[in-house]
Amino acid sequence: MARTTKKSATRKQGPSARATRAPRRRPSRRVVVLVATRKGAWLFHGDATRRTWRVDGPHFLGHIVNHLVLDPRDGRTLLAATKTGHLGPTVHHSTDLGRTWKEATRPPAFAKAPDGPDTKMPGRVVDHTFWLTPCHANEPNAWYAGTSPQGLFRSDDGGIAWEPFSVINDDPLYRTWMGSVQDGTPDGPKLHSIIVDPRDPVHLYMAMSGGGVHESVDRGRTFAPIVKGMEVVEGFDPATIAFHDPHCVRLCPSNPDRLYQQNHCGIYRIDRPSNEWVRIGRNMPKRVGDIGFPMVVHPRDADTVWVFPMDGTTVWPRTSPEGKPGAYVTRDGGKSWLRLDSGLPKSQAWWTVKRQAMTADALDPVGLYLGTTSGELWMSRDEGHRWACIARNLPEIYAVEAAEMR
């Protein structure tokens, strides 16, 4: 009877019932926010409360840095996907949290195309490495990389040497789906959203812009598209894989059978083993729409997801709708959405957030971080209810990652 009474009292409290939960875990490890930009990279080290930040940088000043990732398996190794205009694309690695860096001895590069008149597939050159993902927890020092144009690579020595991975780089059908170098996003088509199932290192996902979402259950020896339910731009045939343009795909840490996707044509969810995506973005406010680039999933709640919509009308301005930036959250798997803009500019803010430039830490409450195309770094200590700017006047921000220090 006492247990029943306690539950009844909790229901009466409504939203404030959150106070009956077990005490929140206070940060025992400090958070570092990794910021990759068009002109270099910065590390922001937070104190235990995430209220004071110490800046470390710039690293690689003048380099285009598309992604900067801390290895969660050791808490100290950093990989950076870098490029300069005259030296070309490469990958740098650090084993001391960025105090020193070494360049890859063999960065991601496509195999040389065979010579001769019967060659059906022209050779390709990596323009830049776009995406970095640590491999499974039981594969120390192993990493995956996605490139532009679309290619998949792996390193087994901490990012020092890279080799083409899987068959897709030179598979005739996949090359058709990838399209030409001129297709895709303004700075080139990309392979991104490389995901390793935390339960099984041979189970992989990846996405291509353009070219759809794909799954492998045999460690990349074969991949199969998962595009059913995904829409394409009006006038194009959704049966053609090349027309599918996923912007960002995320797997739920608390339920690896659920994935969310921010697409060129909406927000989607899939619950495996289903192979059909459901467009949950139709529940977003009509005046805002469900077009955008980043997607962030709660580390412990598979029903909670954040997005940051942009203006995708007419010529795709790639700005905040009406110049009023705001994040949106669903806490019921996409049935409803709530705007979160407290602290963000109320008007005349014509920036947006790129696909890798919004992330979350794993603390309680979850901290959210986003970087803008105008070089501002914003964060929220309370899951998006209130935002504060922790850095201004950076170069255009390409990617933001959050990790706990060890």
Protein backbone atom coordinates (compact mmCIF):
# COMPACT_ATOMS: atom_id res chain seq x y z
CA MET A 1 0.00 0.00 0.00
CA ALA A 2 2.83 2.39 0.81
CA ARG A 3 4.29 1.80 -2.64
CA THR A 4 0.97 2.62 -4.29
CA THR A 5 0.66 5.82 -2.31
CA LYS A 6 4.12 6.92 -3.33
CA LYS A 7 3.37 6.37 -7.02
CA SER A 8 0.15 8.32 -6.76
CA ALA A 9 1.93 11.22 -5.15
CA THR A 10 4.53 11.21 -7.89
CA ARG A 11 1.88 11.37 -10.62
CA LYS A 12 0.24 14.35 -8.92
CA GLN A 13 3.52 16.25 -9.00
CA GLY A 14 3.47 16.34 -12.82
CA PRO A 15 6.68 17.59 -14.42
CA SER A 16 8.28 18.32 -11.06
CA ALA A 17 8.27 14.59 -10.37
CA ARG A 18 11.76 14.65 -11.87
CA ALA A 19 12.91 15.52 -8.34
CA THR A 20 11.96 12.01 -7.17
CA ARG A 21 14.60 10.43 -9.39
CA ALA A 22 17.88 9.21 -8.05
CA PRO A 23 20.38 12.06 -7.51
CA ARG A 24 21.94 13.28 -10.72
CA ARG A 25 25.45 12.16 -11.46
CA ARG A 26 27.72 15.14 -11.03
CA PRO A 27 30.67 15.31 -13.40
CA SER A 28 33.55 13.26 -12.08
CA ARG A 29 35.43 13.83 -15.30
CA ARG A 30 35.66 17.13 -17.08
CA VAL A 31 34.25 17.72 -20.53
CA VAL A 32 36.33 18.82 -23.49
CA VAL A 33 34.59 20.28 -26.53
CA LEU A 34 36.42 19.76 -29.81
CA VAL A 35 35.77 22.40 -32.45
CA ALA A 36 36.83 21.96 -36.09
CA THR A 37 36.64 24.99 -38.35
CA ARG A 38 37.48 26.30 -41.79
CA LYS A 39 40.72 27.80 -40.45
CA GLY A 40 41.90 25.47 -37.68
CA ALA A 41 40.79 23.63 -34.54
CA TRP A 42 40.20 24.52 -30.90
CA LEU A 43 39.71 22.54 -27.68
CA PHE A 44 37.52 24.00 -24.93
CA HIS A 45 38.15 22.42 -21.52
CA GLY A 46 35.26 22.81 -19.09
CA ASP A 47 35.41 22.87 -15.32
CA ALA A 48 33.42 20.37 -13.23
CA THR A 49 30.26 22.49 -13.51
CA ARG A 50 30.61 23.22 -17.26
CA ARG A 51 30.38 26.96 -16.47
CA THR A 52 33.99 28.02 -17.04
CA TRP A 53 35.94 27.10 -20.15
CA ARG A 54 39.65 27.17 -20.91
CA VAL A 55 40.54 27.49 -24.57
CA ASP A 56 43.39 25.55 -26.18
CA GLY A 57 44.19 26.60 -29.71
CA PRO A 58 44.32 27.25 -32.48
CA HIS A 59 45.70 23.97 -33.75
CA PHE A 60 46.44 23.76 -37.49
CA LEU A 61 45.82 27.46 -38.01
CA GLY A 62 44.88 28.03 -41.62
CA HIS A 63 44.05 24.38 -42.28
CA ILE A 64 40.55 23.26 -43.14
CA VAL A 65 39.64 20.86 -40.33
CA ASN A 66 36.53 18.85 -41.18
CA HIS A 67 36.44 16.66 -38.08
CA LEU A 68 38.26 16.40 -34.73
CA VAL A 69 37.54 13.34 -32.57
CA LEU A 70 38.77 12.09 -29.19
CA ASP A 71 39.15 8.33 -28.90
CA PRO A 72 36.71 7.22 -26.16
CA ARG A 73 38.68 4.01 -25.68
CA ASP A 74 41.69 5.72 -24.12
CA GLY A 75 40.52 9.31 -23.49
CA ARG A 76 43.68 10.94 -24.83
CA THR A 77 44.15 10.12 -28.54
CA LEU A 78 42.91 12.75 -31.01
CA LEU A 79 42.44 12.41 -34.74
CA ALA A 80 41.97 15.41 -37.01
CA ALA A 81 40.86 15.37 -40.65
CA THR A 82 42.84 18.26 -42.15
CA LYS A 83 43.52 19.87 -45.50
CA THR A 84 45.43 22.83 -46.90
CA GLY A 85 45.03 24.37 -50.32
CA HIS A 86 48.53 23.52 -51.52
CA LEU A 87 49.46 20.42 -49.49
CA GLY A 88 46.20 18.52 -49.89
CA PRO A 89 44.16 16.30 -47.53
CA THR A 90 45.58 14.24 -44.69
CA VAL A 91 44.89 13.01 -41.17
CA HIS A 92 46.82 14.09 -38.07
CA HIS A 93 46.93 12.18 -34.79
CA SER A 94 47.95 13.07 -31.26
CA THR A 95 48.41 10.77 -28.26
CA ASP A 96 48.74 13.59 -25.70
CA LEU A 97 45.51 15.56 -26.14
CA GLY A 98 46.92 17.83 -28.80
CA ARG A 99 50.22 18.90 -27.24
CA THR A 100 52.01 17.29 -30.18
CA TRP A 101 50.74 16.08 -33.55
CA LYS A 102 51.99 13.69 -36.24
CA GLU A 103 50.76 13.40 -39.78
CA ALA A 104 49.59 10.09 -41.20
CA THR A 105 52.28 8.31 -43.17
CA ARG A 106 49.61 7.01 -45.55
CA PRO A 107 46.40 9.11 -45.48
CA PRO A 108 43.17 7.89 -47.09
CA ALA A 109 43.66 7.54 -50.86
CA PHE A 110 41.80 5.67 -53.57
CA ALA A 111 43.45 2.77 -55.34
CA LYS A 112 44.94 3.64 -58.71
CA ALA A 113 42.48 3.03 -61.53
CA PRO A 114 43.46 0.27 -63.96
CA ASP A 115 44.80 1.44 -67.31
CA GLY A 116 43.47 0.42 -70.67
CA PRO A 117 40.54 1.00 -73.03
CA ASP A 118 38.29 -1.44 -71.13
CA THR A 119 38.36 0.60 -67.95
CA LYS A 120 34.75 1.37 -67.06
CA MET A 121 35.32 3.35 -63.89
CA PRO A 122 37.53 6.44 -63.94
CA GLY A 123 40.03 6.93 -61.17
CA ARG A 124 39.25 9.24 -58.28
CA VAL A 125 41.29 11.44 -55.94
CA VAL A 126 40.35 12.14 -52.32
CA ASP A 127 39.53 15.82 -51.98
CA HIS A 128 39.23 15.68 -48.18
CA THR A 129 38.56 13.31 -45.32
CA PHE A 130 35.19 14.32 -43.94
CA TRP A 131 34.21 11.89 -41.17
CA LEU A 132 36.14 9.97 -38.48
CA THR A 133 34.71 7.17 -36.33
CA PRO A 134 36.51 5.01 -33.75
CA CYS A 135 35.95 1.32 -34.35
CA HIS A 136 34.40 -1.01 -31.77
CA ALA A 137 35.51 -0.87 -28.13
CA ASN A 138 37.28 -4.23 -28.51
CA GLU A 139 39.31 -2.96 -31.49
CA PRO A 140 41.80 -0.52 -29.93
CA ASN A 141 43.63 1.83 -32.30
CA ALA A 142 41.24 1.03 -35.18
CA TRP A 143 39.36 3.82 -36.97
CA TYR A 144 37.07 4.34 -39.94
CA ALA A 145 37.13 7.37 -42.22
CA GLY A 146 34.70 8.68 -44.83
CA THR A 147 35.86 10.94 -47.62
CA SER A 148 34.78 13.28 -50.39
CA PRO A 149 34.19 12.00 -53.01
CA GLN A 150 32.54 9.06 -51.29
CA GLY A 151 35.02 6.52 -50.00
CA LEU A 152 35.38 4.30 -46.93
CA PHE A 153 38.76 3.70 -45.29
CA ARG A 154 40.17 2.02 -42.17
CA SER A 155 43.29 2.40 -40.03
CA ASP A 156 44.39 -0.26 -37.53
CA ASP A 157 47.32 1.66 -36.05
CA GLY A 158 45.72 4.74 -34.54
CA GLY A 159 45.39 6.75 -37.74
CA ILE A 160 48.96 6.44 -39.00
CA ALA A 161 48.26 4.36 -42.11
CA TRP A 162 44.94 4.06 -43.94
CA GLU A 163 43.69 1.52 -46.45
CA PRO A 164 40.53 1.33 -48.58
CA PHE A 165 37.88 -0.57 -46.65
CA SER A 166 35.06 -2.69 -48.06
CA VAL A 167 34.26 -3.17 -51.73
CA ILE A 168 32.15 -0.08 -52.22
CA ASN A 169 34.95 2.31 -53.23
CA ASP A 170 35.29 0.55 -56.59
CA ASP A 171 32.06 -1.40 -56.86
CA PRO A 172 30.40 -0.48 -60.19
CA LEU A 173 26.90 -0.28 -58.70
CA TYR A 174 27.98 1.82 -55.73
CA ARG A 175 29.97 4.10 -58.00
CA THR A 176 26.75 4.69 -59.95
CA TRP A 177 24.92 5.58 -56.74
CA MET A 178 27.70 7.92 -55.68
CA GLY A 179 27.26 10.02 -58.81
CA SER A 180 29.96 12.35 -60.08
CA VAL A 181 32.32 14.64 -58.23
CA GLN A 182 30.07 17.55 -59.19
CA ASP A 183 27.02 16.04 -57.46
CA GLY A 184 25.95 16.44 -53.84
CA THR A 185 26.69 19.21 -51.39
CA PRO A 186 28.32 22.50 -52.43
CA ASP A 187 31.81 21.37 -51.39
CA GLY A 188 31.49 17.87 -52.82
CA PRO A 189 29.68 14.56 -52.20
CA LYS A 190 30.53 12.80 -48.96
CA LEU A 191 30.51 9.47 -47.14
CA HIS A 192 29.54 10.13 -43.53
CA SER A 193 27.66 8.84 -40.48
CA ILE A 194 29.87 5.76 -40.11
CA ILE A 195 28.28 3.82 -37.23
CA VAL A 196 29.52 0.71 -35.42
CA ASP A 197 26.93 -1.32 -33.53
CA PRO A 198 28.20 -1.31 -29.92
CA ARG A 199 27.00 -4.92 -29.57
CA ASP A 200 28.72 -6.29 -32.65
CA PRO A 201 31.84 -4.94 -34.42
CA VAL A 202 30.88 -6.54 -37.74
CA HIS A 203 27.56 -4.66 -37.89
CA LEU A 204 28.07 -1.30 -39.58
CA TYR A 205 26.03 1.55 -41.03
CA MET A 206 27.13 4.41 -43.26
CA ALA A 207 25.47 7.11 -45.34
CA MET A 208 26.33 8.92 -48.54
CA SER A 209 25.33 12.38 -49.74
CA GLY A 210 24.09 11.52 -52.21
CA GLY A 211 23.67 7.81 -52.27
CA GLY A 212 21.46 6.71 -49.38
CA VAL A 213 21.90 4.83 -46.09
CA HIS A 214 23.59 1.42 -46.13
CA GLU A 215 24.15 -1.50 -43.74
CA SER A 216 26.74 -4.25 -43.49
CA VAL A 217 26.45 -7.33 -41.27
CA ASP A 218 29.78 -8.85 -42.35
CA ARG A 219 32.34 -6.18 -41.38
CA GLY A 220 32.03 -4.33 -44.67
CA ARG A 221 32.51 -7.20 -47.10
CA THR A 222 29.07 -6.34 -48.43
CA PHE A 223 26.66 -3.45 -47.91
CA ALA A 224 22.93 -3.18 -48.65
CA PRO A 225 20.88 0.04 -48.99
CA ILE A 226 18.16 0.95 -46.49
CA VAL A 227 16.14 3.66 -48.21
CA LYS A 228 12.53 2.46 -48.06
CA GLY A 229 10.29 5.26 -46.75
CA MET A 230 12.84 7.99 -47.49
CA GLU A 231 11.65 10.77 -49.77
CA VAL A 232 13.62 12.56 -52.47
CA VAL A 233 13.37 15.96 -54.08
CA GLU A 234 10.14 16.39 -56.00
CA GLY A 235 10.41 15.26 -59.59
CA PHE A 236 13.07 12.62 -58.91
CA ASP A 237 12.54 8.86 -58.62
CA PRO A 238 13.00 7.49 -55.06
CA ALA A 239 13.81 4.10 -56.59
CA THR A 240 17.13 5.58 -57.75
CA ILE A 241 19.53 5.29 -54.81
CA ALA A 242 21.68 8.17 -56.05
CA PHE A 243 18.84 10.64 -55.45
CA HIS A 244 18.67 9.93 -51.71
CA ASP A 245 20.50 12.52 -49.61
CA PRO A 246 20.81 11.67 -45.90
CA HIS A 247 22.45 14.54 -44.04
CA CYS A 248 23.14 12.79 -40.73
CA VAL A 249 22.30 9.39 -39.23
CA ARG A 250 22.57 8.59 -35.51
CA LEU A 251 22.19 5.35 -33.57
CA CYS A 252 20.60 5.42 -30.10
CA PRO A 253 23.15 4.43 -27.43
CA SER A 254 20.38 3.18 -25.16
CA ASN A 255 18.65 1.19 -27.93
CA PRO A 256 20.97 0.27 -30.81
CA ASP A 257 18.01 -1.09 -32.79
CA ARG A 258 16.73 2.46 -33.28
CA LEU A 259 18.28 5.03 -35.61
CA TYR A 260 17.30 8.60 -36.41
CA GLN A 261 18.08 10.50 -39.58
CA GLN A 262 18.11 14.14 -40.64
CA ASN A 263 17.64 14.06 -44.38
CA HIS A 264 17.55 16.59 -47.22
CA CYS A 265 13.85 15.71 -47.28
CA GLY A 266 12.84 15.50 -43.62
CA ILE A 267 13.47 13.83 -40.25
CA TYR A 268 13.13 10.05 -39.99
CA ARG A 269 13.24 7.18 -37.51
CA ILE A 270 13.73 3.47 -38.07
CA ASP A 271 13.29 0.63 -35.57
CA ARG A 272 15.12 -2.49 -36.67
CA PRO A 273 14.61 -5.11 -37.89
CA SER A 274 12.26 -2.97 -39.99
CA ASN A 275 13.83 -1.70 -43.21
CA GLU A 276 11.42 1.22 -43.59
CA TRP A 277 12.07 4.75 -42.38
CA VAL A 278 9.16 6.72 -40.90
CA ARG A 279 9.08 10.49 -41.47
CA ILE A 280 8.59 11.87 -37.95
CA GLY A 281 9.47 15.41 -39.05
CA ARG A 282 5.96 16.01 -40.36
CA ASN A 283 5.04 16.75 -36.75
CA MET A 284 7.36 19.78 -36.72
CA PRO A 285 5.73 23.25 -36.96
CA LYS A 286 4.77 23.88 -40.58
CA ARG A 287 6.35 27.33 -40.73
CA VAL A 288 9.69 25.86 -39.64
CA GLY A 289 9.65 22.53 -41.46
CA ASP A 290 11.89 19.53 -40.90
CA ILE A 291 14.86 20.35 -43.12
CA GLY A 292 18.29 20.66 -41.54
CA PHE A 293 21.67 18.99 -41.10
CA PRO A 294 22.55 17.93 -37.50
CA MET A 295 20.92 15.23 -35.39
CA VAL A 296 21.67 14.55 -31.70
CA VAL A 297 20.35 11.59 -29.67
CA HIS A 298 20.06 11.47 -25.88
CA PRO A 299 22.69 9.10 -24.44
CA ARG A 300 20.18 7.32 -22.16
CA ASP A 301 16.72 7.93 -23.64
CA ALA A 302 15.95 6.59 -27.12
CA ASP A 303 12.82 8.75 -27.38
CA THR A 304 14.71 12.05 -26.95
CA VAL A 305 16.33 13.67 -29.98
CA TRP A 306 17.40 17.21 -30.85
CA VAL A 307 17.57 18.84 -34.29
CA PHE A 308 18.41 22.29 -35.57
CA PRO A 309 16.23 23.18 -38.59
CA MET A 310 17.27 25.55 -41.33
CA ASP A 311 15.56 27.37 -44.15
CA GLY A 312 15.34 24.83 -46.96
CA THR A 313 12.95 26.74 -49.21
CA THR A 314 13.40 27.89 -52.81
CA VAL A 315 17.16 28.23 -53.37
CA TRP A 316 18.11 26.69 -50.00
CA PRO A 317 19.45 29.78 -48.18
CA ARG A 318 20.95 27.52 -45.45
CA THR A 319 20.10 30.02 -42.71
CA SER A 320 17.95 29.86 -39.59
CA PRO A 321 14.27 30.12 -40.60
CA GLU A 322 13.28 33.82 -40.55
CA GLY A 323 16.66 34.62 -38.96
CA LYS A 324 15.41 33.17 -35.64
CA PRO A 325 17.60 30.20 -34.66
CA GLY A 326 16.24 27.53 -32.38
CA ALA A 327 16.76 23.87 -31.53
CA TYR A 328 13.83 21.48 -31.40
CA VAL A 329 13.48 18.43 -29.17
CA THR A 330 11.17 15.43 -29.19
CA ARG A 331 10.81 13.35 -26.06
CA ASP A 332 8.35 10.85 -27.51
CA GLY A 333 10.19 9.49 -30.52
CA GLY A 334 8.99 12.17 -32.92
CA LYS A 335 5.27 12.39 -32.10
CA SER A 336 5.68 15.98 -30.90
CA TRP A 337 8.38 18.66 -30.95
CA LEU A 338 9.24 21.56 -28.62
CA ARG A 339 11.20 24.67 -29.58
CA LEU A 340 14.24 25.46 -27.39
CA ASP A 341 15.57 28.98 -28.02
CA SER A 342 16.02 30.66 -24.62
CA GLY A 343 19.26 32.63 -24.78
CA LEU A 344 19.62 32.37 -28.55
CA PRO A 345 19.21 35.49 -30.74
CA LYS A 346 15.58 36.44 -31.27
CA SER A 347 16.03 37.97 -34.72
CA GLN A 348 18.50 38.86 -37.47
CA ALA A 349 20.69 35.80 -36.84
CA TRP A 350 21.21 34.35 -40.30
CA TRP A 351 23.49 31.47 -39.42
CA THR A 352 22.89 27.75 -39.30
CA VAL A 353 24.52 24.57 -37.98
CA LYS A 354 26.29 21.99 -40.15
CA ARG A 355 25.73 18.24 -39.90
CA GLN A 356 28.69 17.54 -37.58
CA ALA A 357 28.44 20.76 -35.60
CA MET A 358 25.90 19.79 -32.91
CA THR A 359 26.57 17.23 -30.19
CA ALA A 360 25.89 16.21 -26.59
CA ASP A 361 27.87 15.06 -23.59
CA ALA A 362 26.81 12.09 -21.44
CA LEU A 363 26.35 13.90 -18.12
CA ASP A 364 23.09 14.39 -16.22
CA PRO A 365 21.54 16.70 -17.19
CA VAL A 366 22.87 16.30 -20.70
CA GLY A 367 24.93 19.19 -22.05
CA LEU A 368 24.31 20.27 -25.64
CA TYR A 369 26.83 22.06 -27.84
CA LEU A 370 26.50 23.63 -31.28
CA GLY A 371 28.78 25.59 -33.57
CA THR A 372 27.51 28.05 -36.13
CA THR A 373 28.46 29.06 -39.63
CA SER A 374 29.24 32.52 -38.18
CA GLY A 375 31.87 31.13 -35.78
CA GLU A 376 29.97 31.06 -32.48
CA LEU A 377 30.05 28.15 -30.02
CA TRP A 378 26.87 27.75 -27.95
CA MET A 379 26.11 25.37 -25.12
CA SER A 380 23.28 24.37 -22.82
CA ARG A 381 23.79 22.72 -19.43
CA ASP A 382 20.14 21.70 -19.13
CA GLU A 383 19.32 19.75 -22.31
CA GLY A 384 18.56 22.81 -24.40
CA HIS A 385 16.22 24.79 -22.16
CA ARG A 386 18.73 27.66 -21.80
CA TRP A 387 21.60 28.50 -24.13
CA ALA A 388 24.78 30.53 -23.58
CA CYS A 389 27.52 31.53 -26.00
CA ILE A 390 30.95 30.37 -24.80
CA ALA A 391 33.02 31.54 -27.80
CA ARG A 392 32.64 34.08 -30.59
CA ASN A 393 34.64 35.17 -33.63
CA LEU A 394 35.93 31.73 -34.56
CA PRO A 395 36.12 30.78 -38.23
CA GLU A 396 33.13 29.01 -39.74
CA ILE A 397 32.54 25.92 -37.60
CA TYR A 398 32.45 22.59 -39.42
CA ALA A 399 32.22 20.10 -36.54
CA VAL A 400 31.74 19.96 -32.76
CA GLU A 401 32.35 16.91 -30.56
CA ALA A 402 32.09 16.55 -26.77
CA ALA A 403 34.02 14.01 -24.72
CA GLU A 404 34.87 13.32 -21.09
CA MET A 405 38.49 13.62 -20.03
CA ARG A 406 40.22 10.74 -18.26
